[in-house]
Amino acid sequence: MTRAIRMHAPGAPDVMKFEEVSDAPPGAGEARVRHNAIGVNYIDTYHRSGLYPLPLPSGIGSEAAGVVEAVGPGVADVKPGDRVGYCMGPVGAYSEARNVPADRLIPLPADIPDRAAAALMLKGLTVQYLFRQTYRLKGGETILFHAAAGGVGLIACQWARALGVTLIGTAGSDEKAAAAKQAGAAHVIVYTRENFVERVKALTDGKGVPVVYDSVGKDTFPASLDCLQPRGLFVTFGNASGPIAAFNTGILAQKGSLYLTRPTLATYSAKRADLLAMADELFAMVRKGSIKADVRQEFPLASAADAHRALESRNTTGATLLIP
């Protein structure tokens, strides 16, 4: 037997229970991974609350790093003893060990520690597809990135600085604004006391930005559209304040023939070759020192509910880990 966080109903953090679960050997195409560090991400709260429903009972969590203990039939990508990480595939990462589809495992270079990998993979690969694929930044652009002091946001600030991109971030407090500035944001708007549309227009001489990246949701929509240049792109990739309500798409025409997309990491990394190429670029940025793992909160695995409370209170910055 091994131990894992399980849910038998959606709801508040207390629905997560630390239980013993069976540890069946890996099946065809699977590898058994013993976890050393587990990433906590905002999407986990959506799974727990039922915003993104899961078949119940269920495990939870999408990201972890550790060591391969065994492999099932037909697995050639990894072998026992390999250090690996993952951030996609079936949920269940909040566990001491588990079976994972082997084609979702990313081999970890010797110079990428487990804690760094668990803090960086999902968030870093999210920034990779946002900045290098959804809207390919080349340098010289000015962009708006909401929640710039969050786990994804702090990586985005670092990556933008490395690309020569002027990142205007938003944050909810002076402390968070300082963290985003330190990470590489050129300007940070404290949205609790400043009108972010007015500030973006002032910072861009009234032109607006070509792209807005938004993981906040309903609290920043539709005002974010007013920050865009004509034919600009609104990228919505999360719902921290709740989902965006249905709206008349005519608003996109009225505000300048705008584009809107709702991308996901699952789509961009669906092919193993793409997943590994994205990870290679992320690890190269880490290796150069352009991006650093910023683990600011750690909780024991059994205290996953406390980790979720901290995350949803918006009092956290950087990455949060669970340690088995």
Foldseek 3Di string as FASTA:
>chain_A
DWWFWKAADAAALVRTAIDDDDADQAEAQKWKFFFFWAFDDPVQNCPRNCVPDDPPGDGTGFKTWGFTCQYYPPDDPDGGGFTWMARDDGGTRLIRMHMGRNLRIAGDDPPQDRHLRNQQQQLVLVLCCVDPPPPPDQAPFEEEEEPLQAANNLQNQLVCQVRNYAYEYEAQDPVSQVSSVVSHHPHYHNVVPDDVLVVLCVVVVNQAGQEYEAAQAQVCPPVNLSRHHAQHEYEYAHHLPHHHDDDDCCVCVVSHVYHYDHDDSCVQPVDSVSSNVSVVVSVVCVVVVSGGQDEDEEEASSVVSVVVVCVSVSVDGHIYMYGD
